Protein backbone atom coordinates (compact mmCIF):
# COMPACT_ATOMS: atom_id res chain seq x y z
CA UNK A 1 138.08 -76.56 72.47
CA UNK A 2 140.53 -79.00 73.99
CA UNK A 3 142.71 -81.43 72.09
CA UNK A 4 141.62 -85.06 72.82
CA UNK A 5 144.69 -87.44 72.83
CA UNK A 6 144.32 -90.39 70.63
CA UNK A 7 144.56 -92.96 73.53
CA UNK A 8 142.11 -91.16 75.82
CA UNK A 9 138.34 -91.24 76.16
CA UNK A 10 136.35 -88.01 76.37
CA UNK A 11 135.86 -86.33 79.69
CA UNK A 12 132.88 -84.52 81.02
CA UNK A 13 133.95 -80.82 81.45
CA UNK A 14 131.37 -78.61 83.16
CA UNK A 15 131.88 -74.83 83.02
CA UNK A 16 128.88 -72.69 83.69
CA UNK A 17 127.77 -70.65 80.65
CA UNK A 18 130.51 -72.12 78.48
CA UNK A 19 130.80 -75.14 76.14
CA UNK A 20 133.91 -77.25 76.23
CA UNK A 21 134.54 -79.53 73.30
CA UNK A 22 137.12 -82.31 73.28
CA UNK A 23 138.19 -83.19 69.75
CA UNK A 24 141.24 -84.65 67.95
CA UNK A 25 143.58 -81.95 66.85
CA UNK A 26 142.85 -82.50 63.02
CA UNK A 27 139.24 -82.02 63.60
CA UNK A 28 139.81 -78.82 65.72
CA UNK A 29 141.81 -77.43 62.76
CA UNK A 30 139.06 -78.26 60.29
CA UNK A 31 136.40 -76.69 62.64
CA UNK A 32 138.47 -73.57 63.51
CA UNK A 33 136.64 -71.31 61.04
CA UNK A 34 133.25 -72.12 62.55
CA UNK A 35 134.53 -71.94 66.12
CA UNK A 36 133.47 -68.98 68.18
CA UNK A 37 136.69 -69.30 70.23
CA UNK A 38 139.92 -67.44 69.75
CA UNK A 39 142.07 -70.35 71.00
CA UNK A 40 142.17 -74.14 71.81
CA UNK A 41 143.97 -75.92 74.64
CA UNK A 42 146.32 -78.81 74.69
CA UNK A 43 147.42 -80.37 77.93
CA UNK A 44 151.15 -80.89 77.32
CA UNK A 45 152.55 -82.36 80.53
CA UNK A 46 150.84 -83.67 83.74
CA UNK A 47 153.00 -84.64 86.68
CA UNK A 48 151.80 -85.96 90.05
CA UNK A 49 154.10 -86.09 93.02
CA UNK A 50 152.69 -87.08 96.29
CA UNK A 51 150.03 -84.32 97.21
CA UNK A 52 151.14 -81.99 94.44
CA UNK A 53 150.26 -81.97 90.72
CA UNK A 54 151.58 -79.74 87.93
CA UNK A 55 149.86 -79.40 84.58
CA UNK A 56 151.41 -77.40 81.62
CA UNK A 57 148.78 -76.23 79.06
CA UNK A 58 149.72 -75.01 75.59
CA UNK A 59 147.20 -72.19 74.36
CA UNK A 60 147.08 -72.35 70.55
CA UNK A 61 145.44 -69.30 68.85
CA UNK A 62 143.06 -69.71 65.92
CA UNK A 63 143.70 -66.35 64.37
CA UNK A 64 147.25 -65.36 63.77
CA UNK A 65 146.44 -62.01 62.41
CA UNK A 66 145.02 -60.61 65.76
CA UNK A 67 147.51 -58.67 67.85
CA UNK A 68 148.86 -60.68 70.81
CA UNK A 69 147.38 -63.85 69.39
CA UNK A 70 150.09 -64.63 66.83
CA UNK A 71 151.95 -67.48 68.70
CA UNK A 72 151.28 -70.27 71.07
CA UNK A 73 151.60 -69.44 74.78
CA UNK A 74 151.55 -71.65 77.90
CA UNK A 75 150.38 -71.75 81.50
CA UNK A 76 151.70 -73.88 84.31
CA UNK A 77 149.10 -74.79 86.90
CA UNK A 78 150.02 -76.23 90.42
CA UNK A 79 147.45 -78.19 92.38
CA UNK A 80 147.77 -79.38 95.97
CA UNK A 81 145.65 -82.04 97.70
CA UNK A 82 143.66 -80.80 100.72
CA UNK A 83 141.34 -82.60 103.07
CA UNK A 84 141.76 -86.00 101.35
């Protein structure tokens, strides 16, 4: 599941053998008990500078009682433009 910002329209994510849902955060929390996922993602910061882009993603766990899933973690991804 991915948090859908209120001012955004839904995107079309395609991952082979996976289902990606974009939902508002309050709906994600309501459906967390039915989710077959251990976490949901929230895109925190996106910056584009010339041919380089960075994206920070917060990873929020659904189940606080599982070891190593008791707090929000994050990832920073770097993208570079190649071949136009």
